[in-house]
Amino acid sequence: MKFLKLAAVAVAGMSLAGCSLLYPHWGATTFPTDGPTSSSSAPAPSASASASASASAKPIQAAKVVILQNNVDATAGVVDVVAQISNVAEDGGQCTLTVTSGGTTKSQTVRAESNVDTTQCYPMEVSLAGLAKGSASMTVTYKSAGYVGTSTPQVFTN
């Protein structure tokens, strides 16, 4: 009887240990997309370490920004855009949707995050209120520590 109890406990323990293989962030308190938390126990970098880090910084490279989807909703008075950066997968950048009509420009800036082998912009939305009726154009600009780029302008009628 003791053997059966011991075997049951061993099987239960092994099956629960397998959960950590299926869910590697077991017990994490933040989502993987959240930024790093600050820690007061980490020593501040010295001036010489900062100077050597900036001397070895990579130059800014061209980002290939692609508008994947745009939707002009005249009834709601908004334009919605989904865009990605096709030549880099990184976190920490920002995407800015800029809509121009006549002499008026409106924009919205959102975060961007890594998506397998691209960088995905969060969905963007700009109100059409206050823009001149007729032909308008939109672009998406991406900026990060290592990449900068702007999409090809897309023309639409509002």
C-alpha atoms as a PDB file:
ATOM      1  CA  MET A   1       0.000   0.000   0.000  1.00  0.00           C
ATOM      2  CA  LYS A   2       2.880   2.374   0.822  1.00  0.00           C
ATOM      3  CA  PHE A   3       4.379   1.615  -2.561  1.00  0.00           C
ATOM      4  CA  LEU A   4       1.174   2.674  -4.372  1.00  0.00           C
ATOM      5  CA  LYS A   5       1.014   5.948  -2.420  1.00  0.00           C
ATOM      6  CA  LEU A   6       4.675   6.633  -3.161  1.00  0.00           C
ATOM      7  CA  ALA A   7       4.182   5.852  -6.848  1.00  0.00           C
ATOM      8  CA  ALA A   8       1.118   8.150  -7.039  1.00  0.00           C
ATOM      9  CA  VAL A   9       3.045  11.023  -5.422  1.00  0.00           C
ATOM     10  CA  ALA A  10       5.995  10.481  -7.795  1.00  0.00           C
ATOM     11  CA  VAL A  11       3.739  10.457 -10.887  1.00  0.00           C
ATOM     12  CA  ALA A  12       1.929  13.619  -9.720  1.00  0.00           C
ATOM     13  CA  GLY A  13       5.235  15.364  -9.056  1.00  0.00           C
ATOM     14  CA  MET A  14       6.621  14.449 -12.467  1.00  0.00           C
ATOM     15  CA  SER A  15       3.472  15.594 -14.274  1.00  0.00           C
ATOM     16  CA  LEU A  16       3.503  18.958 -12.477  1.00  0.00           C
ATOM     17  CA  ALA A  17       7.209  19.396 -13.200  1.00  0.00           C
ATOM     18  CA  GLY A  18       6.373  19.060 -16.894  1.00  0.00           C
ATOM     19  CA  CYS A  19       4.183  22.191 -16.641  1.00  0.00           C
ATOM     20  CA  SER A  20       7.292  24.333 -16.357  1.00  0.00           C
ATOM     21  CA  LEU A  21       8.405  22.979 -19.712  1.00  0.00           C
ATOM     22  CA  LEU A  22       5.109  23.930 -21.332  1.00  0.00           C
ATOM     23  CA  TYR A  23       4.818  27.331 -19.658  1.00  0.00           C
ATOM     24  CA  PRO A  24       8.327  28.735 -19.121  1.00  0.00           C
ATOM     25  CA  HIS A  25       7.189  31.874 -17.261  1.00  0.00           C
ATOM     26  CA  TRP A  26       5.327  29.998 -14.539  1.00  0.00           C
ATOM     27  CA  GLY A  27       4.831  32.368 -11.610  1.00  0.00           C
ATOM     28  CA  ALA A  28       5.864  35.491 -13.540  1.00  0.00           C
ATOM     29  CA  THR A  29       4.139  38.644 -12.350  1.00  0.00           C
ATOM     30  CA  THR A  30       4.426  40.614 -15.600  1.00  0.00           C
ATOM     31  CA  PHE A  31       3.548  39.846 -19.180  1.00  0.00           C
ATOM     32  CA  PRO A  32       6.474  39.191 -21.567  1.00  0.00           C
ATOM     33  CA  THR A  33       5.735  42.434 -23.497  1.00  0.00           C
ATOM     34  CA  ASP A  34       6.151  44.603 -20.381  1.00  0.00           C
ATOM     35  CA  GLY A  35       9.428  46.502 -20.175  1.00  0.00           C
ATOM     36  CA  PRO A  36      12.151  45.639 -17.686  1.00  0.00           C
ATOM     37  CA  THR A  37      11.616  46.761 -14.125  1.00  0.00           C
ATOM     38  CA  SER A  38      14.136  49.009 -12.458  1.00  0.00           C
ATOM     39  CA  SER A  39      16.235  47.648  -9.664  1.00  0.00           C
ATOM     40  CA  SER A  40      17.920  49.836  -7.083  1.00  0.00           C
ATOM     41  CA  SER A  41      20.475  47.121  -6.290  1.00  0.00           C
ATOM     42  CA  ALA A  42      22.159  47.352  -9.708  1.00  0.00           C
ATOM     43  CA  PRO A  43      25.264  49.552  -9.716  1.00  0.00           C
ATOM     44  CA  ALA A  44      25.219  52.633 -11.940  1.00  0.00           C
ATOM     45  CA  PRO A  45      27.493  52.387 -14.989  1.00  0.00           C
ATOM     46  CA  SER A  46      30.737  54.287 -14.749  1.00  0.00           C
ATOM     47  CA  ALA A  47      31.592  57.150 -17.104  1.00  0.00           C
ATOM     48  CA  SER A  48      34.230  55.045 -18.852  1.00  0.00           C
ATOM     49  CA  ALA A  49      31.738  52.201 -19.379  1.00  0.00           C
ATOM     50  CA  SER A  50      29.211  54.642 -20.859  1.00  0.00           C
ATOM     51  CA  ALA A  51      31.824  56.132 -23.177  1.00  0.00           C
ATOM     52  CA  SER A  52      32.922  52.732 -24.469  1.00  0.00           C
ATOM     53  CA  ALA A  53      29.296  51.645 -24.971  1.00  0.00           C
ATOM     54  CA  SER A  54      28.450  54.733 -27.034  1.00  0.00           C
ATOM     55  CA  ALA A  55      31.649  54.352 -29.076  1.00  0.00           C
ATOM     56  CA  SER A  56      30.607  50.815 -30.051  1.00  0.00           C
ATOM     57  CA  ALA A  57      26.949  51.701 -30.773  1.00  0.00           C
ATOM     58  CA  LYS A  58      25.580  50.496 -34.083  1.00  0.00           C
ATOM     59  CA  PRO A  59      24.766  53.115 -36.719  1.00  0.00           C
ATOM     60  CA  ILE A  60      21.123  53.847 -37.515  1.00  0.00           C
ATOM     61  CA  GLN A  61      19.831  51.565 -40.294  1.00  0.00           C
ATOM     62  CA  ALA A  62      16.928  51.984 -42.721  1.00  0.00           C
ATOM     63  CA  ALA A  63      13.655  50.440 -41.562  1.00  0.00           C
ATOM     64  CA  LYS A  64      11.336  49.033 -44.247  1.00  0.00           C
ATOM     65  CA  VAL A  65       7.902  50.194 -43.069  1.00  0.00           C
ATOM     66  CA  VAL A  66       4.926  48.529 -44.766  1.00  0.00           C
ATOM     67  CA  ILE A  67       1.268  49.485 -44.300  1.00  0.00           C
ATOM     68  CA  LEU A  68      -0.504  46.125 -44.174  1.00  0.00           C
ATOM     69  CA  GLN A  69      -4.052  47.376 -43.820  1.00  0.00           C
ATOM     70  CA  ASN A  70      -5.861  50.705 -43.822  1.00  0.00           C
ATOM     71  CA  ASN A  71      -9.520  51.394 -43.367  1.00  0.00           C
ATOM     72  CA  VAL A  72     -11.103  54.786 -43.941  1.00  0.00           C
ATOM     73  CA  ASP A  73     -14.414  54.808 -42.052  1.00  0.00           C
ATOM     74  CA  ALA A  74     -16.254  57.967 -43.136  1.00  0.00           C
ATOM     75  CA  THR A  75     -19.243  57.119 -40.924  1.00  0.00           C
ATOM     76  CA  ALA A  76     -17.104  56.934 -37.781  1.00  0.00           C
ATOM     77  CA  GLY A  77     -14.786  59.680 -39.073  1.00  0.00           C
ATOM     78  CA  VAL A  78     -11.540  57.764 -38.548  1.00  0.00           C
ATOM     79  CA  VAL A  79      -8.763  56.071 -40.461  1.00  0.00           C
ATOM     80  CA  ASP A  80      -7.387  52.820 -38.962  1.00  0.00           C
ATOM     81  CA  VAL A  81      -3.966  51.486 -39.935  1.00  0.00           C
ATOM     82  CA  VAL A  82      -1.963  48.317 -39.224  1.00  0.00           C
ATOM     83  CA  ALA A  83       1.734  48.418 -40.180  1.00  0.00           C
ATOM     84  CA  GLN A  84       4.924  46.432 -39.716  1.00  0.00           C
ATOM     85  CA  ILE A  85       8.656  46.801 -40.161  1.00  0.00           C
ATOM     86  CA  SER A  86       9.651  43.956 -42.437  1.00  0.00           C
ATOM     87  CA  ASN A  87      13.434  43.942 -42.036  1.00  0.00           C
ATOM     88  CA  VAL A  88      13.846  43.796 -38.254  1.00  0.00           C
ATOM     89  CA  ALA A  89      12.306  42.091 -35.225  1.00  0.00           C
ATOM     90  CA  GLU A  90      12.817  44.206 -32.118  1.00  0.00           C
ATOM     91  CA  ASP A  91      11.043  45.725 -29.144  1.00  0.00           C
ATOM     92  CA  GLY A  92      11.233  49.315 -28.003  1.00  0.00           C
ATOM     93  CA  GLY A  93      10.462  51.227 -31.187  1.00  0.00           C
ATOM     94  CA  GLN A  94       7.592  53.574 -31.965  1.00  0.00           C
ATOM     95  CA  CYS A  95       5.314  53.908 -34.980  1.00  0.00           C
ATOM     96  CA  THR A  96       3.669  57.171 -35.953  1.00  0.00           C
ATOM     97  CA  LEU A  97       0.691  57.386 -38.316  1.00  0.00           C
ATOM     98  CA  THR A  98       0.559  60.783 -40.043  1.00  0.00           C
ATOM     99  CA  VAL A  99      -2.505  61.851 -42.044  1.00  0.00           C
ATOM    100  CA  THR A 100      -2.351  65.030 -44.145  1.00  0.00           C
ATOM    101  CA  SER A 101      -5.173  66.757 -46.011  1.00  0.00           C
ATOM    102  CA  GLY A 102      -4.896  70.296 -47.335  1.00  0.00           C
ATOM    103  CA  GLY A 103      -2.694  72.166 -44.904  1.00  0.00           C
ATOM    104  CA  THR A 104      -3.731  70.106 -41.873  1.00  0.00           C
ATOM    105  CA  THR A 105      -1.761  67.200 -40.406  1.00  0.00           C
ATOM    106  CA  LYS A 106      -2.845  64.800 -37.662  1.00  0.00           C
ATOM    107  CA  SER A 107      -0.837  61.953 -36.140  1.00  0.00           C
ATOM    108  CA  GLN A 108      -0.833  59.211 -33.531  1.00  0.00           C
ATOM    109  CA  THR A 109       2.234  57.474 -32.050  1.00  0.00           C
ATOM    110  CA  VAL A 110       2.083  53.913 -30.694  1.00  0.00           C
ATOM    111  CA  ARG A 111       4.477  51.252 -29.414  1.00  0.00           C
ATOM    112  CA  ALA A 112       5.929  48.538 -31.604  1.00  0.00           C
ATOM    113  CA  GLU A 113       7.055  45.063 -30.600  1.00  0.00           C
ATOM    114  CA  SER A 114       8.803  42.039 -32.026  1.00  0.00           C
ATOM    115  CA  ASN A 115       6.639  39.541 -33.928  1.00  0.00           C
ATOM    116  CA  VAL A 116       8.727  36.473 -34.906  1.00  0.00           C
ATOM    117  CA  ASP A 117      10.779  37.974 -37.778  1.00  0.00           C
ATOM    118  CA  THR A 118       9.165  41.433 -38.122  1.00  0.00           C
ATOM    119  CA  THR A 119       8.274  44.330 -35.857  1.00  0.00           C
ATOM    120  CA  GLN A 120       4.543  44.944 -35.519  1.00  0.00           C
ATOM    121  CA  CYS A 121       3.095  48.388 -34.794  1.00  0.00           C
ATOM    122  CA  TYR A 122       0.157  48.521 -32.428  1.00  0.00           C
ATOM    123  CA  PRO A 123      -3.040  49.440 -34.331  1.00  0.00           C
ATOM    124  CA  MET A 124      -3.245  53.164 -35.056  1.00  0.00           C
ATOM    125  CA  GLU A 125      -6.291  55.417 -35.484  1.00  0.00           C
ATOM    126  CA  VAL A 126      -6.559  59.076 -36.442  1.00  0.00           C
ATOM    127  CA  SER A 127      -9.742  61.144 -36.466  1.00  0.00           C
ATOM    128  CA  LEU A 128     -10.683  62.754 -39.777  1.00  0.00           C
ATOM    129  CA  ALA A 129     -12.433  65.630 -37.976  1.00  0.00           C
ATOM    130  CA  GLY A 130     -10.856  68.939 -38.906  1.00  0.00           C
ATOM    131  CA  LEU A 131      -9.203  67.611 -42.067  1.00  0.00           C
ATOM    132  CA  ALA A 132     -10.164  69.115 -45.428  1.00  0.00           C
ATOM    133  CA  LYS A 133     -12.572  66.944 -47.443  1.00  0.00           C
ATOM    134  CA  GLY A 134     -11.160  65.332 -50.573  1.00  0.00           C
ATOM    135  CA  SER A 135      -7.764  63.818 -51.220  1.00  0.00           C
ATOM    136  CA  ALA A 136      -5.578  62.968 -48.224  1.00  0.00           C
ATOM    137  CA  SER A 137      -2.400  60.959 -47.693  1.00  0.00           C
ATOM    138  CA  MET A 138      -1.059  58.773 -44.904  1.00  0.00           C
ATOM    139  CA  THR A 139       2.376  57.495 -43.945  1.00  0.00           C
ATOM    140  CA  VAL A 140       3.741  55.450 -41.063  1.00  0.00           C
ATOM    141  CA  THR A 141       7.152  56.313 -39.618  1.00  0.00           C
ATOM    142  CA  TYR A 142       9.148  53.922 -37.420  1.00  0.00           C
ATOM    143  CA  LYS A 143      11.893  55.018 -35.010  1.00  0.00           C
ATOM    144  CA  SER A 144      14.003  52.978 -32.607  1.00  0.00           C
ATOM    145  CA  ALA A 145      17.528  53.055 -31.240  1.00  0.00           C
ATOM    146  CA  GLY A 146      18.843  51.280 -34.345  1.00  0.00           C
ATOM    147  CA  TYR A 147      16.304  51.857 -37.152  1.00  0.00           C
ATOM    148  CA  VAL A 148      14.410  54.716 -38.795  1.00  0.00           C
ATOM    149  CA  GLY A 149      12.112  54.600 -41.813  1.00  0.00           C
ATOM    150  CA  THR A 150       8.875  55.808 -43.404  1.00  0.00           C
ATOM    151  CA  SER A 151       6.340  53.902 -45.489  1.00  0.00           C
ATOM    152  CA  THR A 152       5.379  54.809 -49.037  1.00  0.00           C
ATOM    153  CA  PRO A 153       2.592  57.430 -48.868  1.00  0.00           C
ATOM    154  CA  GLN A 154      -0.893  56.090 -49.505  1.00  0.00           C
ATOM    155  CA  VAL A 155      -3.567  58.409 -50.911  1.00  0.00           C
ATOM    156  CA  PHE A 156      -7.254  58.140 -49.970  1.00  0.00           C
ATOM    157  CA  THR A 157     -10.420  60.235 -50.159  1.00  0.00           C
ATOM    158  CA  ASN A 158     -12.081  61.346 -46.947  1.00  0.00           C
END
